[in-house]
C-alpha cells in the first residue's frame, strides 16, 4: 500500500487543495493529513521531507508542491 503525507496550514488554499486532491487520488493510497498550524512540532519533519511551502503532498520521497498557501519558514 502506498502511503502519503499531505502537509498544510489550514488556510483556504490548503483546504481547497486537500478536498480536490483527496477526490482525485486512488482510494488505496493511505494519506496522512498533517495540519502544521495545529501540529507545529512537525514543521521540521516537513522540511526534512523537502517541503518548501504548503500545501504539499509527499509520496515515496517525492514532494509535490500544490499552489502556494504559505512558505514553510512562515510556519515556524
PDB file of N, CA and C in Angstrom:
ATOM      1  N   UNK A   1       0.838  -1.181   0.000  1.00  0.00           N
ATOM      2  CA  UNK A   1       0.000   0.000   0.000  1.00  0.00           C
ATOM      3  C   UNK A   1       0.884   1.245   0.000  1.00  0.00           C
ATOM      4  N   UNK A   2       0.544   2.186  -0.834  1.00  0.00           N
ATOM      5  CA  UNK A   2       1.257   3.449  -0.900  1.00  0.00           C
ATOM      6  C   UNK A   2       0.766   4.358   0.216  1.00  0.00           C
ATOM      7  N   UNK A   3       1.712   5.011   0.877  1.00  0.00           N
ATOM      8  CA  UNK A   3       1.346   5.994   1.886  1.00  0.00           C
ATOM      9  C   UNK A   3       1.851   7.364   1.455  1.00  0.00           C
ATOM     10  N   UNK A   4       1.153   8.370   1.885  1.00  0.00           N
ATOM     11  CA  UNK A   4       1.499   9.748   1.540  1.00  0.00           C
ATOM     12  C   UNK A   4       1.192  10.640   2.729  1.00  0.00           C
ATOM     13  N   UNK A   5       1.830  11.814   2.732  1.00  0.00           N
ATOM     14  CA  UNK A   5       1.533  12.832   3.745  1.00  0.00           C
ATOM     15  C   UNK A   5       1.168  14.114   3.020  1.00  0.00           C
ATOM     16  N   UNK A   6       0.073  14.695   3.456  1.00  0.00           N
ATOM     17  CA  UNK A   6      -0.368  15.972   2.917  1.00  0.00           C
ATOM     18  C   UNK A   6      -0.164  17.002   4.017  1.00  0.00           C
ATOM     19  N   UNK A   7       0.786  17.924   3.793  1.00  0.00           N
ATOM     20  CA  UNK A   7       1.086  18.977   4.756  1.00  0.00           C
ATOM     21  C   UNK A   7       0.344  20.244   4.356  1.00  0.00           C
ATOM     22  N   UNK A   8      -0.294  20.871   5.339  1.00  0.00           N
ATOM     23  CA  UNK A   8      -0.972  22.130   5.060  1.00  0.00           C
ATOM     24  C   UNK A   8      -1.024  22.981   6.327  1.00  0.00           C
ATOM     25  N   UNK A   9      -1.480  24.231   6.154  1.00  0.00           N
ATOM     26  CA  UNK A   9      -1.506  25.174   7.272  1.00  0.00           C
ATOM     27  C   UNK A   9      -2.920  25.574   7.673  1.00  0.00           C
ATOM     28  N   UNK A  10      -3.912  24.975   7.036  1.00  0.00           N
ATOM     29  CA  UNK A  10      -5.294  25.269   7.405  1.00  0.00           C
ATOM     30  C   UNK A  10      -5.904  26.457   6.691  1.00  0.00           C
ATOM     31  N   UNK A  11      -5.163  27.096   5.811  1.00  0.00           N
ATOM     32  CA  UNK A  11      -5.691  28.257   5.098  1.00  0.00           C
ATOM     33  C   UNK A  11      -6.680  27.790   4.019  1.00  0.00           C
ATOM     34  N   UNK A  12      -7.490  28.691   3.479  1.00  0.00           N
ATOM     35  CA  UNK A  12      -8.461  28.297   2.453  1.00  0.00           C
ATOM     36  C   UNK A  12      -7.823  27.623   1.233  1.00  0.00           C
ATOM     37  N   UNK A  13      -6.648  28.087   0.806  1.00  0.00           N
ATOM     38  CA  UNK A  13      -5.954  27.470  -0.325  1.00  0.00           C
ATOM     39  C   UNK A  13      -5.635  26.016  -0.008  1.00  0.00           C
ATOM     40  N   UNK A  14      -5.137  25.773   1.198  1.00  0.00           N
ATOM     41  CA  UNK A  14      -4.755  24.421   1.608  1.00  0.00           C
ATOM     42  C   UNK A  14      -5.963  23.500   1.719  1.00  0.00           C
ATOM     43  N   UNK A  15      -7.045  23.997   2.289  1.00  0.00           N
ATOM     44  CA  UNK A  15      -8.255  23.198   2.463  1.00  0.00           C
ATOM     45  C   UNK A  15      -8.852  22.841   1.108  1.00  0.00           C
ATOM     46  N   UNK A  16      -8.915  23.799   0.213  1.00  0.00           N
ATOM     47  CA  UNK A  16      -9.451  23.534  -1.127  1.00  0.00           C
ATOM     48  C   UNK A  16      -8.593  22.511  -1.862  1.00  0.00           C
ATOM     49  N   UNK A  17      -7.274  22.663  -1.776  1.00  0.00           N
ATOM     50  CA  UNK A  17      -6.375  21.703  -2.429  1.00  0.00           C
ATOM     51  C   UNK A  17      -6.546  20.313  -1.832  1.00  0.00           C
ATOM     52  N   UNK A  18      -6.697  20.230  -0.520  1.00  0.00           N
ATOM     53  CA  UNK A  18      -6.898  18.930   0.144  1.00  0.00           C
ATOM     54  C   UNK A  18      -8.158  18.247  -0.383  1.00  0.00           C
ATOM     55  N   UNK A  19      -9.256  18.978  -0.410  1.00  0.00           N
ATOM     56  CA  UNK A  19     -10.520  18.393  -0.860  1.00  0.00           C
ATOM     57  C   UNK A  19     -10.439  17.926  -2.309  1.00  0.00           C
ATOM     58  N   UNK A  20      -9.824  18.735  -3.153  1.00  0.00           N
ATOM     59  CA  UNK A  20      -9.678  18.373  -4.564  1.00  0.00           C
ATOM     60  C   UNK A  20      -8.759  17.176  -4.726  1.00  0.00           C
ATOM     61  N   UNK A  21      -7.605  17.231  -4.074  1.00  0.00           N
ATOM     62  CA  UNK A  21      -6.608  16.180  -4.209  1.00  0.00           C
ATOM     63  C   UNK A  21      -7.121  14.834  -3.719  1.00  0.00           C
ATOM     64  N   UNK A  22      -7.739  14.810  -2.550  1.00  0.00           N
ATOM     65  CA  UNK A  22      -8.220  13.552  -1.997  1.00  0.00           C
ATOM     66  C   UNK A  22      -9.283  12.920  -2.884  1.00  0.00           C
ATOM     67  N   UNK A  23     -10.038  13.750  -3.578  1.00  0.00           N
ATOM     68  CA  UNK A  23     -11.025  13.229  -4.514  1.00  0.00           C
ATOM     69  C   UNK A  23     -10.419  12.630  -5.765  1.00  0.00           C
ATOM     70  N   UNK A  24      -9.190  13.011  -6.082  1.00  0.00           N
ATOM     71  CA  UNK A  24      -8.524  12.529  -7.294  1.00  0.00           C
ATOM     72  C   UNK A  24      -7.656  11.294  -7.065  1.00  0.00           C
ATOM     73  N   UNK A  25      -7.190  11.120  -5.837  1.00  0.00           N
ATOM     74  CA  UNK A  25      -6.274  10.020  -5.550  1.00  0.00           C
ATOM     75  C   UNK A  25      -6.997   8.683  -5.480  1.00  0.00           C
ATOM     76  N   UNK A  26      -6.283   7.648  -5.846  1.00  0.00           N
ATOM     77  CA  UNK A  26      -6.798   6.281  -5.722  1.00  0.00           C
ATOM     78  C   UNK A  26      -7.072   6.012  -4.245  1.00  0.00           C
ATOM     79  N   UNK A  27      -8.228   5.458  -3.917  1.00  0.00           N
ATOM     80  CA  UNK A  27      -8.569   5.200  -2.516  1.00  0.00           C
ATOM     81  C   UNK A  27      -7.615   4.230  -1.813  1.00  0.00           C
ATOM     82  N   UNK A  28      -6.817   3.493  -2.566  1.00  0.00           N
ATOM     83  CA  UNK A  28      -5.870   2.564  -1.935  1.00  0.00           C
ATOM     84  C   UNK A  28      -4.656   3.286  -1.353  1.00  0.00           C
ATOM     85  N   UNK A  29      -4.506   4.564  -1.680  1.00  0.00           N
ATOM     86  CA  UNK A  29      -3.393   5.348  -1.138  1.00  0.00           C
ATOM     87  C   UNK A  29      -3.795   5.847   0.243  1.00  0.00           C
ATOM     88  N   UNK A  30      -2.994   5.515   1.233  1.00  0.00           N
ATOM     89  CA  UNK A  30      -3.236   5.948   2.609  1.00  0.00           C
ATOM     90  C   UNK A  30      -2.617   7.335   2.779  1.00  0.00           C
ATOM     91  N   UNK A  31      -3.445   8.358   2.943  1.00  0.00           N
ATOM     92  CA  UNK A  31      -2.953   9.734   3.054  1.00  0.00           C
ATOM     93  C   UNK A  31      -3.115  10.223   4.490  1.00  0.00           C
ATOM     94  N   UNK A  32      -1.971  10.588   5.097  1.00  0.00           N
ATOM     95  CA  UNK A  32      -1.997  11.208   6.423  1.00  0.00           C
ATOM     96  C   UNK A  32      -2.079  12.715   6.222  1.00  0.00           C
ATOM     97  N   UNK A  33      -3.048  13.350   6.844  1.00  0.00           N
ATOM     98  CA  UNK A  33      -3.208  14.800   6.765  1.00  0.00           C
ATOM     99  C   UNK A  33      -2.480  15.415   7.959  1.00  0.00           C
ATOM    100  N   UNK A  34      -1.536  16.318   7.675  1.00  0.00           N
ATOM    101  CA  UNK A  34      -0.760  16.969   8.734  1.00  0.00           C
ATOM    102  C   UNK A  34      -1.030  18.470   8.672  1.00  0.00           C
ATOM    103  N   UNK A  35      -1.754  18.969   9.655  1.00  0.00           N
ATOM    104  CA  UNK A  35      -2.095  20.393   9.755  1.00  0.00           C
ATOM    105  C   UNK A  35      -0.978  21.052  10.573  1.00  0.00           C
ATOM    106  N   UNK A  36      -0.062  21.718   9.885  1.00  0.00           N
ATOM    107  CA  UNK A  36       1.099  22.302  10.561  1.00  0.00           C
ATOM    108  C   UNK A  36       0.730  23.490  11.443  1.00  0.00           C
ATOM    109  N   UNK A  37      -0.417  24.082  11.212  1.00  0.00           N
ATOM    110  CA  UNK A  37      -0.884  25.146  12.090  1.00  0.00           C
ATOM    111  C   UNK A  37      -1.253  24.611  13.469  1.00  0.00           C
ATOM    112  N   UNK A  38      -1.702  23.369  13.510  1.00  0.00           N
ATOM    113  CA  UNK A  38      -2.078  22.729  14.770  1.00  0.00           C
ATOM    114  C   UNK A  38      -0.991  21.791  15.295  1.00  0.00           C
ATOM    115  N   UNK A  39      -0.080  21.381  14.418  1.00  0.00           N
ATOM    116  CA  UNK A  39       0.987  20.448  14.794  1.00  0.00           C
ATOM    117  C   UNK A  39       2.346  21.070  14.439  1.00  0.00           C
ATOM    118  N   UNK A  40       2.621  22.216  15.051  1.00  0.00           N
ATOM    119  CA  UNK A  40       3.846  22.959  14.727  1.00  0.00           C
ATOM    120  C   UNK A  40       5.112  22.144  14.972  1.00  0.00           C
ATOM    121  N   UNK A  41       5.050  21.173  15.860  1.00  0.00           N
ATOM    122  CA  UNK A  41       6.225  20.349  16.140  1.00  0.00           C
ATOM    123  C   UNK A  41       6.618  19.493  14.932  1.00  0.00           C
ATOM    124  N   UNK A  42       5.759  19.407  13.913  1.00  0.00           N
ATOM    125  CA  UNK A  42       6.053  18.599  12.738  1.00  0.00           C
ATOM    126  C   UNK A  42       6.608  19.411  11.566  1.00  0.00           C
ATOM    127  N   UNK A  43       6.823  20.716  11.775  1.00  0.00           N
ATOM    128  CA  UNK A  43       7.381  21.558  10.710  1.00  0.00           C
ATOM    129  C   UNK A  43       8.760  21.056  10.299  1.00  0.00           C
ATOM    130  N   UNK A  44       9.599  20.689  11.260  1.00  0.00           N
ATOM    131  CA  UNK A  44      10.944  20.205  10.919  1.00  0.00           C
ATOM    132  C   UNK A  44      10.866  18.900  10.133  1.00  0.00           C
ATOM    133  N   UNK A  45       9.904  18.058  10.442  1.00  0.00           N
ATOM    134  CA  UNK A  45       9.689  16.808   9.680  1.00  0.00           C
ATOM    135  C   UNK A  45       9.365  17.138   8.219  1.00  0.00           C
ATOM    136  N   UNK A  46       8.480  18.116   8.024  1.00  0.00           N
ATOM    137  CA  UNK A  46       8.115  18.526   6.667  1.00  0.00           C
ATOM    138  C   UNK A  46       9.329  19.076   5.925  1.00  0.00           C
ATOM    139  N   UNK A  47      10.120  19.891   6.601  1.00  0.00           N
ATOM    140  CA  UNK A  47      11.341  20.435   5.985  1.00  0.00           C
ATOM    141  C   UNK A  47      12.284  19.321   5.573  1.00  0.00           C
ATOM    142  N   UNK A  48      12.491  18.352   6.445  1.00  0.00           N
ATOM    143  CA  UNK A  48      13.386  17.233   6.142  1.00  0.00           C
ATOM    144  C   UNK A  48      12.887  16.421   4.949  1.00  0.00           C
ATOM    145  N   UNK A  49      11.575  16.392   4.763  1.00  0.00           N
ATOM    146  CA  UNK A  49      10.999  15.672   3.628  1.00  0.00           C
ATOM    147  C   UNK A  49      11.139  16.459   2.324  1.00  0.00           C
ATOM    148  N   UNK A  50      11.555  17.739   2.427  1.00  0.00           N
ATOM    149  CA  UNK A  50      11.749  18.568   1.240  1.00  0.00           C
ATOM    150  C   UNK A  50      10.647  19.569   0.973  1.00  0.00           C
ATOM    151  N   UNK A  51       9.726  19.709   1.907  1.00  0.00           N
ATOM    152  CA  UNK A  51       8.624  20.655   1.737  1.00  0.00           C
ATOM    153  C   UNK A  51       9.151  22.080   1.897  1.00  0.00           C
ATOM    154  N   UNK A  52       8.879  22.907   0.901  1.00  0.00           N
ATOM    155  CA  UNK A  52       9.304  24.314   0.913  1.00  0.00           C
ATOM    156  C   UNK A  52       8.134  25.249   1.170  1.00  0.00           C
ATOM    157  N   UNK A  53       6.927  24.794   0.823  1.00  0.00           N
ATOM    158  CA  UNK A  53       5.714  25.575   1.041  1.00  0.00           C
ATOM    159  C   UNK A  53       4.545  24.614   1.153  1.00  0.00           C
ATOM    160  N   UNK A  54       3.467  25.123   1.711  1.00  0.00           N
ATOM    161  CA  UNK A  54       2.257  24.321   1.819  1.00  0.00           C
ATOM    162  C   UNK A  54       1.154  24.975   1.012  1.00  0.00           C
ATOM    163  N   UNK A  55       0.262  24.189   0.481  1.00  0.00           N
ATOM    164  CA  UNK A  55       0.086  22.764   0.647  1.00  0.00           C
ATOM    165  C   UNK A  55       1.092  21.959  -0.168  1.00  0.00           C
ATOM    166  N   UNK A  56       1.433  20.781   0.360  1.00  0.00           N
ATOM    167  CA  UNK A  56       2.362  19.891  -0.323  1.00  0.00           C
ATOM    168  C   UNK A  56       2.006  18.446  -0.009  1.00  0.00           C
ATOM    169  N   UNK A  57       2.174  17.607  -1.002  1.00  0.00           N
ATOM    170  CA  UNK A  57       1.948  16.177  -0.857  1.00  0.00           C
ATOM    171  C   UNK A  57       3.287  15.475  -1.010  1.00  0.00           C
ATOM    172  N   UNK A  58       3.615  14.604  -0.058  1.00  0.00           N
ATOM    173  CA  UNK A  58       4.855  13.835  -0.122  1.00  0.00           C
ATOM    174  C   UNK A  58       4.481  12.368  -0.288  1.00  0.00           C
ATOM    175  N   UNK A  59       4.962  11.783  -1.387  1.00  0.00           N
ATOM    176  CA  UNK A  59       4.700  10.380  -1.684  1.00  0.00           C
ATOM    177  C   UNK A  59       6.023   9.711  -2.037  1.00  0.00           C
ATOM    178  N   UNK A  60       6.381   8.713  -1.253  1.00  0.00           N
ATOM    179  CA  UNK A  60       7.598   7.936  -1.501  1.00  0.00           C
ATOM    180  C   UNK A  60       8.811   8.832  -1.757  1.00  0.00           C
ATOM    181  N   UNK A  61       8.977   9.836  -0.930  1.00  0.00           N
ATOM    182  CA  UNK A  61      10.136  10.721  -1.013  1.00  0.00           C
ATOM    183  C   UNK A  61      10.035  11.823  -2.051  1.00  0.00           C
ATOM    184  N   UNK A  62       8.982  11.834  -2.824  1.00  0.00           N
ATOM    185  CA  UNK A  62       8.779  12.866  -3.840  1.00  0.00           C
ATOM    186  C   UNK A  62       7.823  13.919  -3.293  1.00  0.00           C
ATOM    187  N   UNK A  63       8.189  15.189  -3.472  1.00  0.00           N
ATOM    188  CA  UNK A  63       7.355  16.289  -2.967  1.00  0.00           C
ATOM    189  C   UNK A  63       6.643  16.952  -4.136  1.00  0.00           C
ATOM    190  N   UNK A  64       5.343  17.097  -3.984  1.00  0.00           N
ATOM    191  CA  UNK A  64       4.541  17.817  -4.960  1.00  0.00           C
ATOM    192  C   UNK A  64       3.985  19.049  -4.258  1.00  0.00           C
ATOM    193  N   UNK A  65       4.504  20.216  -4.643  1.00  0.00           N
ATOM    194  CA  UNK A  65       4.009  21.470  -4.075  1.00  0.00           C
ATOM    195  C   UNK A  65       2.778  21.885  -4.871  1.00  0.00           C
ATOM    196  N   UNK A  66       1.687  22.098  -4.167  1.00  0.00           N
ATOM    197  CA  UNK A  66       0.404  22.427  -4.779  1.00  0.00           C
ATOM    198  C   UNK A  66       0.065  23.877  -4.478  1.00  0.00           C
ATOM    199  N   UNK A  67      -0.065  24.684  -5.522  1.00  0.00           N
ATOM    200  CA  UNK A  67      -0.427  26.076  -5.306  1.00  0.00           C
ATOM    201  C   UNK A  67       0.562  26.717  -4.335  1.00  0.00           C
ATOM    202  N   UNK A  68       0.182  27.778  -3.655  1.00  0.00           N
ATOM    203  CA  UNK A  68       1.051  28.390  -2.653  1.00  0.00           C
ATOM    204  C   UNK A  68       0.180  29.004  -1.580  1.00  0.00           C
ATOM    205  N   UNK A  69       0.202  28.379  -0.411  1.00  0.00           N
ATOM    206  CA  UNK A  69      -0.550  28.906   0.727  1.00  0.00           C
ATOM    207  C   UNK A  69       0.354  29.665   1.672  1.00  0.00           C
ATOM    208  N   UNK A  70       1.520  29.063   1.993  1.00  0.00           N
ATOM    209  CA  UNK A  70       2.468  29.685   2.910  1.00  0.00           C
ATOM    210  C   UNK A  70       3.828  29.006   2.753  1.00  0.00           C
ATOM    211  N   UNK A  71       4.872  29.796   2.920  1.00  0.00           N
ATOM    212  CA  UNK A  71       6.222  29.243   2.942  1.00  0.00           C
ATOM    213  C   UNK A  71       6.409  28.473   4.242  1.00  0.00           C
ATOM    214  N   UNK A  72       7.183  27.410   4.199  1.00  0.00           N
ATOM    215  CA  UNK A  72       7.418  26.610   5.400  1.00  0.00           C
ATOM    216  C   UNK A  72       8.061  27.459   6.486  1.00  0.00           C
ATOM    217  N   UNK A  73       8.895  28.422   6.117  1.00  0.00           N
ATOM    218  CA  UNK A  73       9.540  29.296   7.089  1.00  0.00           C
ATOM    219  C   UNK A  73       8.517  30.131   7.861  1.00  0.00           C
ATOM    220  N   UNK A  74       7.399  30.438   7.229  1.00  0.00           N
ATOM    221  CA  UNK A  74       6.354  31.225   7.895  1.00  0.00           C
ATOM    222  C   UNK A  74       5.630  30.438   8.982  1.00  0.00           C
ATOM    223  N   UNK A  75       5.790  29.139   8.983  1.00  0.00           N
ATOM    224  CA  UNK A  75       5.095  28.286   9.942  1.00  0.00           C
ATOM    225  C   UNK A  75       5.910  28.013  11.203  1.00  0.00           C
ATOM    226  N   UNK A  76       7.128  28.501  11.226  1.00  0.00           N
ATOM    227  CA  UNK A  76       7.999  28.274  12.398  1.00  0.00           C
ATOM    228  C   UNK A  76       7.630  29.206  13.516  1.00  0.00           C
TER     229      UNK A  76
END
